[in-house]
């Protein structure tokens, strides 16, 4: 079984949200429906990145990493073209 670390981009406040889950499709649906307290007022949201981990501990560590300066820089480089496409739509 996999655990997923994911990054959402808020089209409202232009900020990212990092999380992890065992069921990515279900969790994204919960975010979209406003059922997640930390993102319900930041909708609409767009899934911009996810990765699979073999265990929960690794997924949790990746989530924490993405919330650091180094994680921010990694995502900037990794998603450079994606960010351009997102901002074109705004």
PDB file of N, CA and C in Angstrom:
ATOM      1  N   UNK A   1       0.836  -1.176   0.000  1.00  0.00           N
ATOM      2  CA  UNK A   1       0.000   0.000   0.000  1.00  0.00           C
ATOM      3  C   UNK A   1       0.890   1.251   0.000  1.00  0.00           C
ATOM      4  N   UNK A   2       0.458   2.233  -0.726  1.00  0.00           N
ATOM      5  CA  UNK A   2       1.216   3.481  -0.821  1.00  0.00           C
ATOM      6  C   UNK A   2       0.567   4.583   0.012  1.00  0.00           C
ATOM      7  N   UNK A   3       1.386   5.536   0.391  1.00  0.00           N
ATOM      8  CA  UNK A   3       0.942   6.789   0.979  1.00  0.00           C
ATOM      9  C   UNK A   3       1.387   7.878   0.014  1.00  0.00           C
ATOM     10  N   UNK A   4       0.597   8.897  -0.106  1.00  0.00           N
ATOM     11  CA  UNK A   4       0.864   9.947  -1.081  1.00  0.00           C
ATOM     12  C   UNK A   4       1.110  11.285  -0.389  1.00  0.00           C
ATOM     13  N   UNK A   5       2.148  11.957  -0.828  1.00  0.00           N
ATOM     14  CA  UNK A   5       2.393  13.339  -0.447  1.00  0.00           C
ATOM     15  C   UNK A   5       1.919  14.179  -1.625  1.00  0.00           C
ATOM     16  N   UNK A   6       1.180  15.235  -1.355  1.00  0.00           N
ATOM     17  CA  UNK A   6       0.615  16.020  -2.455  1.00  0.00           C
ATOM     18  C   UNK A   6       0.733  17.504  -2.162  1.00  0.00           C
ATOM     19  N   UNK A   7       0.715  18.268  -3.242  1.00  0.00           N
ATOM     20  CA  UNK A   7       0.771  19.725  -3.159  1.00  0.00           C
ATOM     21  C   UNK A   7      -0.437  20.283  -3.903  1.00  0.00           C
ATOM     22  N   UNK A   8      -1.186  21.116  -3.224  1.00  0.00           N
ATOM     23  CA  UNK A   8      -2.299  21.828  -3.837  1.00  0.00           C
ATOM     24  C   UNK A   8      -1.914  23.286  -3.996  1.00  0.00           C
ATOM     25  N   UNK A   9      -2.417  23.911  -5.031  1.00  0.00           N
ATOM     26  CA  UNK A   9      -2.193  25.328  -5.265  1.00  0.00           C
ATOM     27  C   UNK A   9      -3.538  26.032  -5.175  1.00  0.00           C
ATOM     28  N   UNK A  10      -3.622  27.047  -4.331  1.00  0.00           N
ATOM     29  CA  UNK A  10      -4.859  27.811  -4.180  1.00  0.00           C
ATOM     30  C   UNK A  10      -4.926  28.881  -5.261  1.00  0.00           C
ATOM     31  N   UNK A  11      -5.949  28.805  -6.077  1.00  0.00           N
ATOM     32  CA  UNK A  11      -6.147  29.827  -7.103  1.00  0.00           C
ATOM     33  C   UNK A  11      -6.672  31.118  -6.489  1.00  0.00           C
ATOM     34  N   UNK A  12      -7.113  31.047  -5.243  1.00  0.00           N
ATOM     35  CA  UNK A  12      -7.631  32.226  -4.542  1.00  0.00           C
ATOM     36  C   UNK A  12      -6.501  33.057  -3.939  1.00  0.00           C
ATOM     37  N   UNK A  13      -5.641  32.426  -3.143  1.00  0.00           N
ATOM     38  CA  UNK A  13      -4.586  33.196  -2.470  1.00  0.00           C
ATOM     39  C   UNK A  13      -3.186  32.952  -3.027  1.00  0.00           C
ATOM     40  N   UNK A  14      -3.092  32.138  -4.079  1.00  0.00           N
ATOM     41  CA  UNK A  14      -1.820  31.875  -4.791  1.00  0.00           C
ATOM     42  C   UNK A  14      -0.768  31.215  -3.899  1.00  0.00           C
ATOM     43  N   UNK A  15      -1.216  30.468  -2.892  1.00  0.00           N
ATOM     44  CA  UNK A  15      -0.310  29.771  -1.982  1.00  0.00           C
ATOM     45  C   UNK A  15      -0.457  28.267  -2.171  1.00  0.00           C
ATOM     46  N   UNK A  16       0.569  27.553  -1.695  1.00  0.00           N
ATOM     47  CA  UNK A  16       0.555  26.096  -1.779  1.00  0.00           C
ATOM     48  C   UNK A  16       0.127  25.487  -0.451  1.00  0.00           C
ATOM     49  N   UNK A  17      -0.379  24.271  -0.532  1.00  0.00           N
ATOM     50  CA  UNK A  17      -0.731  23.493   0.641  1.00  0.00           C
ATOM     51  C   UNK A  17      -0.132  22.108   0.445  1.00  0.00           C
ATOM     52  N   UNK A  18       0.583  21.612   1.435  1.00  0.00           N
ATOM     53  CA  UNK A  18       1.175  20.272   1.377  1.00  0.00           C
ATOM     54  C   UNK A  18       0.443  19.368   2.351  1.00  0.00           C
ATOM     55  N   UNK A  19       0.216  18.136   1.935  1.00  0.00           N
ATOM     56  CA  UNK A  19      -0.426  17.162   2.799  1.00  0.00           C
ATOM     57  C   UNK A  19      -0.002  15.760   2.415  1.00  0.00           C
ATOM     58  N   UNK A  20      -0.454  14.790   3.187  1.00  0.00           N
ATOM     59  CA  UNK A  20      -0.219  13.390   2.827  1.00  0.00           C
ATOM     60  C   UNK A  20      -1.462  12.590   3.171  1.00  0.00           C
ATOM     61  N   UNK A  21      -1.627  11.461   2.496  1.00  0.00           N
ATOM     62  CA  UNK A  21      -2.819  10.650   2.674  1.00  0.00           C
ATOM     63  C   UNK A  21      -2.587   9.231   2.171  1.00  0.00           C
ATOM     64  N   UNK A  22      -3.457   8.343   2.593  1.00  0.00           N
ATOM     65  CA  UNK A  22      -3.428   6.966   2.104  1.00  0.00           C
ATOM     66  C   UNK A  22      -4.276   6.834   0.837  1.00  0.00           C
ATOM     67  N   UNK A  23      -5.298   7.682   0.704  1.00  0.00           N
ATOM     68  CA  UNK A  23      -6.224   7.627  -0.429  1.00  0.00           C
ATOM     69  C   UNK A  23      -6.261   9.006  -1.101  1.00  0.00           C
ATOM     70  N   UNK A  24      -5.434   9.179  -2.111  1.00  0.00           N
ATOM     71  CA  UNK A  24      -5.269  10.489  -2.745  1.00  0.00           C
ATOM     72  C   UNK A  24      -6.562  10.992  -3.377  1.00  0.00           C
ATOM     73  N   UNK A  25      -7.236  10.161  -4.124  1.00  0.00           N
ATOM     74  CA  UNK A  25      -8.460  10.590  -4.808  1.00  0.00           C
ATOM     75  C   UNK A  25      -9.519  11.062  -3.806  1.00  0.00           C
ATOM     76  N   UNK A  26      -9.702  10.305  -2.733  1.00  0.00           N
ATOM     77  CA  UNK A  26     -10.677  10.677  -1.703  1.00  0.00           C
ATOM     78  C   UNK A  26     -10.285  11.991  -1.031  1.00  0.00           C
ATOM     79  N   UNK A  27      -9.018  12.142  -0.697  1.00  0.00           N
ATOM     80  CA  UNK A  27      -8.562  13.342   0.018  1.00  0.00           C
ATOM     81  C   UNK A  27      -8.700  14.591  -0.847  1.00  0.00           C
ATOM     82  N   UNK A  28      -8.369  14.483  -2.121  1.00  0.00           N
ATOM     83  CA  UNK A  28      -8.524  15.633  -3.020  1.00  0.00           C
ATOM     84  C   UNK A  28      -9.997  16.030  -3.097  1.00  0.00           C
ATOM     85  N   UNK A  29     -10.875  15.037  -3.150  1.00  0.00           N
ATOM     86  CA  UNK A  29     -12.316  15.304  -3.147  1.00  0.00           C
ATOM     87  C   UNK A  29     -12.758  16.038  -1.893  1.00  0.00           C
ATOM     88  N   UNK A  30     -12.199  15.647  -0.745  1.00  0.00           N
ATOM     89  CA  UNK A  30     -12.528  16.329   0.504  1.00  0.00           C
ATOM     90  C   UNK A  30     -12.085  17.787   0.476  1.00  0.00           C
ATOM     91  N   UNK A  31     -10.902  18.041  -0.095  1.00  0.00           N
ATOM     92  CA  UNK A  31     -10.442  19.423  -0.234  1.00  0.00           C
ATOM     93  C   UNK A  31     -11.391  20.206  -1.145  1.00  0.00           C
ATOM     94  N   UNK A  32     -11.755  19.619  -2.273  1.00  0.00           N
ATOM     95  CA  UNK A  32     -12.611  20.305  -3.241  1.00  0.00           C
ATOM     96  C   UNK A  32     -14.005  20.612  -2.673  1.00  0.00           C
ATOM     97  N   UNK A  33     -14.491  19.743  -1.789  1.00  0.00           N
ATOM     98  CA  UNK A  33     -15.821  19.931  -1.198  1.00  0.00           C
ATOM     99  C   UNK A  33     -15.804  20.866   0.017  1.00  0.00           C
ATOM    100  N   UNK A  34     -14.630  21.322   0.418  1.00  0.00           N
ATOM    101  CA  UNK A  34     -14.533  22.220   1.557  1.00  0.00           C
ATOM    102  C   UNK A  34     -14.600  21.512   2.896  1.00  0.00           C
ATOM    103  N   UNK A  35     -14.280  20.231   2.928  1.00  0.00           N
ATOM    104  CA  UNK A  35     -14.353  19.442   4.153  1.00  0.00           C
ATOM    105  C   UNK A  35     -13.067  19.478   4.974  1.00  0.00           C
ATOM    106  N   UNK A  36     -12.020  20.091   4.435  1.00  0.00           N
ATOM    107  CA  UNK A  36     -10.742  20.182   5.136  1.00  0.00           C
ATOM    108  C   UNK A  36     -10.609  21.596   5.681  1.00  0.00           C
ATOM    109  N   UNK A  37     -10.538  21.708   6.985  1.00  0.00           N
ATOM    110  CA  UNK A  37     -10.537  23.009   7.664  1.00  0.00           C
ATOM    111  C   UNK A  37      -9.468  23.956   7.122  1.00  0.00           C
ATOM    112  N   UNK A  38      -8.262  23.449   6.901  1.00  0.00           N
ATOM    113  CA  UNK A  38      -7.151  24.329   6.521  1.00  0.00           C
ATOM    114  C   UNK A  38      -7.228  24.837   5.084  1.00  0.00           C
ATOM    115  N   UNK A  39      -8.070  24.252   4.257  1.00  0.00           N
ATOM    116  CA  UNK A  39      -8.159  24.717   2.861  1.00  0.00           C
ATOM    117  C   UNK A  39      -9.564  25.135   2.437  1.00  0.00           C
ATOM    118  N   UNK A  40     -10.545  25.000   3.312  1.00  0.00           N
ATOM    119  CA  UNK A  40     -11.923  25.261   2.873  1.00  0.00           C
ATOM    120  C   UNK A  40     -12.151  26.701   2.416  1.00  0.00           C
ATOM    121  N   UNK A  41     -11.415  27.650   2.978  1.00  0.00           N
ATOM    122  CA  UNK A  41     -11.568  29.047   2.564  1.00  0.00           C
ATOM    123  C   UNK A  41     -10.540  29.467   1.519  1.00  0.00           C
ATOM    124  N   UNK A  42      -9.810  28.498   1.000  1.00  0.00           N
ATOM    125  CA  UNK A  42      -8.768  28.807   0.011  1.00  0.00           C
ATOM    126  C   UNK A  42      -9.117  28.247  -1.364  1.00  0.00           C
ATOM    127  N   UNK A  43     -10.320  27.751  -1.520  1.00  0.00           N
ATOM    128  CA  UNK A  43     -10.749  27.170  -2.785  1.00  0.00           C
ATOM    129  C   UNK A  43     -11.026  28.261  -3.808  1.00  0.00           C
ATOM    130  N   UNK A  44     -10.860  27.969  -5.083  1.00  0.00           N
ATOM    131  CA  UNK A  44     -10.593  26.672  -5.691  1.00  0.00           C
ATOM    132  C   UNK A  44      -9.120  26.274  -5.565  1.00  0.00           C
ATOM    133  N   UNK A  45      -8.910  24.966  -5.553  1.00  0.00           N
ATOM    134  CA  UNK A  45      -7.580  24.397  -5.415  1.00  0.00           C
ATOM    135  C   UNK A  45      -7.257  23.552  -6.637  1.00  0.00           C
ATOM    136  N   UNK A  46      -5.980  23.470  -6.937  1.00  0.00           N
ATOM    137  CA  UNK A  46      -5.545  22.643  -8.057  1.00  0.00           C
ATOM    138  C   UNK A  46      -4.411  21.739  -7.578  1.00  0.00           C
ATOM    139  N   UNK A  47      -4.535  20.450  -7.843  1.00  0.00           N
ATOM    140  CA  UNK A  47      -3.462  19.514  -7.525  1.00  0.00           C
ATOM    141  C   UNK A  47      -2.329  19.766  -8.511  1.00  0.00           C
ATOM    142  N   UNK A  48      -1.144  20.114  -7.992  1.00  0.00           N
ATOM    143  CA  UNK A  48      -0.037  20.411  -8.900  1.00  0.00           C
ATOM    144  C   UNK A  48       1.108  19.410  -8.788  1.00  0.00           C
ATOM    145  N   UNK A  49       1.089  18.571  -7.741  1.00  0.00           N
ATOM    146  CA  UNK A  49       2.181  17.618  -7.577  1.00  0.00           C
ATOM    147  C   UNK A  49       1.776  16.544  -6.582  1.00  0.00           C
ATOM    148  N   UNK A  50       2.203  15.326  -6.852  1.00  0.00           N
ATOM    149  CA  UNK A  50       2.079  14.267  -5.852  1.00  0.00           C
ATOM    150  C   UNK A  50       3.157  13.229  -6.090  1.00  0.00           C
ATOM    151  N   UNK A  51       3.471  12.507  -5.048  1.00  0.00           N
ATOM    152  CA  UNK A  51       4.425  11.417  -5.151  1.00  0.00           C
ATOM    153  C   UNK A  51       4.006  10.314  -4.191  1.00  0.00           C
ATOM    154  N   UNK A  52       4.366   9.091  -4.539  1.00  0.00           N
ATOM    155  CA  UNK A  52       4.008   7.924  -3.729  1.00  0.00           C
ATOM    156  C   UNK A  52       5.183   7.521  -2.856  1.00  0.00           C
ATOM    157  N   UNK A  53       4.867   7.133  -1.631  1.00  0.00           N
ATOM    158  CA  UNK A  53       5.860   6.630  -0.680  1.00  0.00           C
ATOM    159  C   UNK A  53       5.400   5.250  -0.210  1.00  0.00           C
ATOM    160  N   UNK A  54       6.349   4.428   0.154  1.00  0.00           N
ATOM    161  CA  UNK A  54       6.036   3.050   0.566  1.00  0.00           C
ATOM    162  C   UNK A  54       5.494   2.950   1.985  1.00  0.00           C
ATOM    163  N   UNK A  55       5.681   4.004   2.779  1.00  0.00           N
ATOM    164  CA  UNK A  55       5.140   3.949   4.138  1.00  0.00           C
ATOM    165  C   UNK A  55       4.745   5.347   4.607  1.00  0.00           C
ATOM    166  N   UNK A  56       3.952   5.370   5.658  1.00  0.00           N
ATOM    167  CA  UNK A  56       3.409   6.628   6.163  1.00  0.00           C
ATOM    168  C   UNK A  56       4.495   7.564   6.684  1.00  0.00           C
ATOM    169  N   UNK A  57       5.484   7.021   7.349  1.00  0.00           N
ATOM    170  CA  UNK A  57       6.553   7.861   7.898  1.00  0.00           C
ATOM    171  C   UNK A  57       7.289   8.637   6.803  1.00  0.00           C
ATOM    172  N   UNK A  58       7.600   7.969   5.696  1.00  0.00           N
ATOM    173  CA  UNK A  58       8.269   8.652   4.585  1.00  0.00           C
ATOM    174  C   UNK A  58       7.385   9.747   3.992  1.00  0.00           C
ATOM    175  N   UNK A  59       6.095   9.466   3.865  1.00  0.00           N
ATOM    176  CA  UNK A  59       5.165  10.466   3.321  1.00  0.00           C
ATOM    177  C   UNK A  59       5.089  11.679   4.248  1.00  0.00           C
ATOM    178  N   UNK A  60       5.049  11.437   5.548  1.00  0.00           N
ATOM    179  CA  UNK A  60       4.995  12.527   6.515  1.00  0.00           C
ATOM    180  C   UNK A  60       6.264  13.379   6.455  1.00  0.00           C
ATOM    181  N   UNK A  61       7.416  12.727   6.312  1.00  0.00           N
ATOM    182  CA  UNK A  61       8.682  13.457   6.211  1.00  0.00           C
ATOM    183  C   UNK A  61       8.725  14.318   4.949  1.00  0.00           C
ATOM    184  N   UNK A  62       8.224  13.778   3.846  1.00  0.00           N
ATOM    185  CA  UNK A  62       8.197  14.553   2.597  1.00  0.00           C
ATOM    186  C   UNK A  62       7.265  15.759   2.738  1.00  0.00           C
ATOM    187  N   UNK A  63       6.126  15.573   3.395  1.00  0.00           N
ATOM    188  CA  UNK A  63       5.203  16.689   3.614  1.00  0.00           C
ATOM    189  C   UNK A  63       5.916  17.794   4.403  1.00  0.00           C
ATOM    190  N   UNK A  64       6.595  17.431   5.461  1.00  0.00           N
ATOM    191  CA  UNK A  64       7.319  18.429   6.265  1.00  0.00           C
ATOM    192  C   UNK A  64       8.404  19.102   5.439  1.00  0.00           C
ATOM    193  N   UNK A  65       9.098  18.344   4.609  1.00  0.00           N
ATOM    194  CA  UNK A  65      10.145  18.902   3.749  1.00  0.00           C
ATOM    195  C   UNK A  65       9.568  19.954   2.809  1.00  0.00           C
ATOM    196  N   UNK A  66       8.418  19.660   2.218  1.00  0.00           N
ATOM    197  CA  UNK A  66       7.812  20.606   1.276  1.00  0.00           C
ATOM    198  C   UNK A  66       7.368  21.903   1.940  1.00  0.00           C
ATOM    199  N   UNK A  67       7.280  21.902   3.248  1.00  0.00           N
ATOM    200  CA  UNK A  67       6.901  23.108   3.978  1.00  0.00           C
ATOM    201  C   UNK A  67       8.114  23.930   4.407  1.00  0.00           C
ATOM    202  N   UNK A  68       9.320  23.477   4.064  1.00  0.00           N
ATOM    203  CA  UNK A  68      10.544  24.204   4.399  1.00  0.00           C
ATOM    204  C   UNK A  68      10.992  25.063   3.221  1.00  0.00           C
ATOM    205  N   UNK A  69      11.967  25.905   3.470  1.00  0.00           N
ATOM    206  CA  UNK A  69      12.546  26.730   2.402  1.00  0.00           C
ATOM    207  C   UNK A  69      13.121  25.848   1.305  1.00  0.00           C
ATOM    208  N   UNK A  70      13.816  24.763   1.708  1.00  0.00           N
ATOM    209  CA  UNK A  70      14.439  23.875   0.716  1.00  0.00           C
ATOM    210  C   UNK A  70      13.388  23.141  -0.101  1.00  0.00           C
ATOM    211  N   UNK A  71      12.324  22.755   0.551  1.00  0.00           N
ATOM    212  CA  UNK A  71      11.230  22.108  -0.166  1.00  0.00           C
ATOM    213  C   UNK A  71      10.562  23.065  -1.134  1.00  0.00           C
ATOM    214  N   UNK A  72      10.412  24.315  -0.712  1.00  0.00           N
ATOM    215  CA  UNK A  72       9.846  25.348  -1.575  1.00  0.00           C
ATOM    216  C   UNK A  72      10.704  25.518  -2.834  1.00  0.00           C
ATOM    217  N   UNK A  73      12.024  25.581  -2.645  1.00  0.00           N
ATOM    218  CA  UNK A  73      12.931  25.735  -3.785  1.00  0.00           C
ATOM    219  C   UNK A  73      12.891  24.517  -4.704  1.00  0.00           C
ATOM    220  N   UNK A  74      12.812  23.326  -4.113  1.00  0.00           N
ATOM    221  CA  UNK A  74      12.709  22.107  -4.914  1.00  0.00           C
ATOM    222  C   UNK A  74      11.471  22.162  -5.804  1.00  0.00           C
ATOM    223  N   UNK A  75      10.334  22.536  -5.211  1.00  0.00           N
ATOM    224  CA  UNK A  75       9.096  22.608  -5.979  1.00  0.00           C
ATOM    225  C   UNK A  75       9.154  23.680  -7.058  1.00  0.00           C
ATOM    226  N   UNK A  76       9.780  24.806  -6.749  1.00  0.00           N
ATOM    227  CA  UNK A  76       9.918  25.873  -7.750  1.00  0.00           C
ATOM    228  C   UNK A  76      10.652  25.355  -8.988  1.00  0.00           C
ATOM    229  N   UNK A  77      11.737  24.639  -8.765  1.00  0.00           N
ATOM    230  CA  UNK A  77      12.515  24.091  -9.887  1.00  0.00           C
ATOM    231  C   UNK A  77      11.760  22.964 -10.576  1.00  0.00           C
ATOM    232  N   UNK A  78      11.214  22.069  -9.796  1.00  0.00           N
ATOM    233  CA  UNK A  78      10.540  20.881 -10.332  1.00  0.00           C
ATOM    234  C   UNK A  78       9.294  21.241 -11.122  1.00  0.00           C
ATOM    235  N   UNK A  79       8.585  22.271 -10.694  1.00  0.00           N
ATOM    236  CA  UNK A  79       7.306  22.624 -11.299  1.00  0.00           C
ATOM    237  C   UNK A  79       7.348  23.934 -12.085  1.00  0.00           C
ATOM    238  N   UNK A  80       8.524  24.327 -12.492  1.00  0.00           N
ATOM    239  CA  UNK A  80       8.698  25.609 -13.172  1.00  0.00           C
ATOM    240  C   UNK A  80       7.704  25.794 -14.329  1.00  0.00           C
ATOM    241  N   UNK A  81       7.601  24.823 -15.211  1.00  0.00           N
ATOM    242  CA  UNK A  81       6.695  24.943 -16.350  1.00  0.00           C
ATOM    243  C   UNK A  81       5.231  24.866 -15.926  1.00  0.00           C
ATOM    244  N   UNK A  82       4.939  24.062 -14.928  1.00  0.00           N
ATOM    245  CA  UNK A  82       3.562  23.963 -14.430  1.00  0.00           C
ATOM    246  C   UNK A  82       3.084  25.287 -13.862  1.00  0.00           C
ATOM    247  N   UNK A  83       3.945  25.965 -13.111  1.00  0.00           N
ATOM    248  CA  UNK A  83       3.578  27.265 -12.550  1.00  0.00           C
ATOM    249  C   UNK A  83       3.262  28.257 -13.664  1.00  0.00           C
ATOM    250  N   UNK A  84       4.048  28.226 -14.727  1.00  0.00           N
ATOM    251  CA  UNK A  84       3.773  29.131 -15.854  1.00  0.00           C
ATOM    252  C   UNK A  84       2.378  28.881 -16.404  1.00  0.00           C
ATOM    253  N   UNK A  85       1.999  27.614 -16.554  1.00  0.00           N
ATOM    254  CA  UNK A  85       0.685  27.278 -17.091  1.00  0.00           C
ATOM    255  C   UNK A  85      -0.434  27.676 -16.135  1.00  0.00           C
ATOM    256  N   UNK A  86      -0.217  27.512 -14.855  1.00  0.00           N
ATOM    257  CA  UNK A  86      -1.230  27.885 -13.864  1.00  0.00           C
ATOM    258  C   UNK A  86      -1.472  29.396 -13.924  1.00  0.00           C
ATOM    259  N   UNK A  87      -0.401  30.179 -13.948  1.00  0.00           N
ATOM    260  CA  UNK A  87      -0.551  31.636 -13.934  1.00  0.00           C
ATOM    261  C   UNK A  87      -1.109  32.175 -15.245  1.00  0.00           C
ATOM    262  N   UNK A  88      -0.934  31.452 -16.349  1.00  0.00           N
ATOM    263  CA  UNK A  88      -1.539  31.872 -17.613  1.00  0.00           C
ATOM    264  C   UNK A  88      -3.056  31.810 -17.524  1.00  0.00           C
ATOM    265  N   UNK A  89      -3.576  30.832 -16.751  1.00  0.00           N
ATOM    266  CA  UNK A  89      -5.008  30.640 -16.624  1.00  0.00           C
ATOM    267  C   UNK A  89      -5.669  31.688 -15.741  1.00  0.00           C
ATOM    268  N   UNK A  90      -4.882  32.373 -14.916  1.00  0.00           N
ATOM    269  CA  UNK A  90      -5.458  33.336 -13.958  1.00  0.00           C
ATOM    270  C   UNK A  90      -5.815  34.649 -14.606  1.00  0.00           C
TER     271      UNK A  90
END
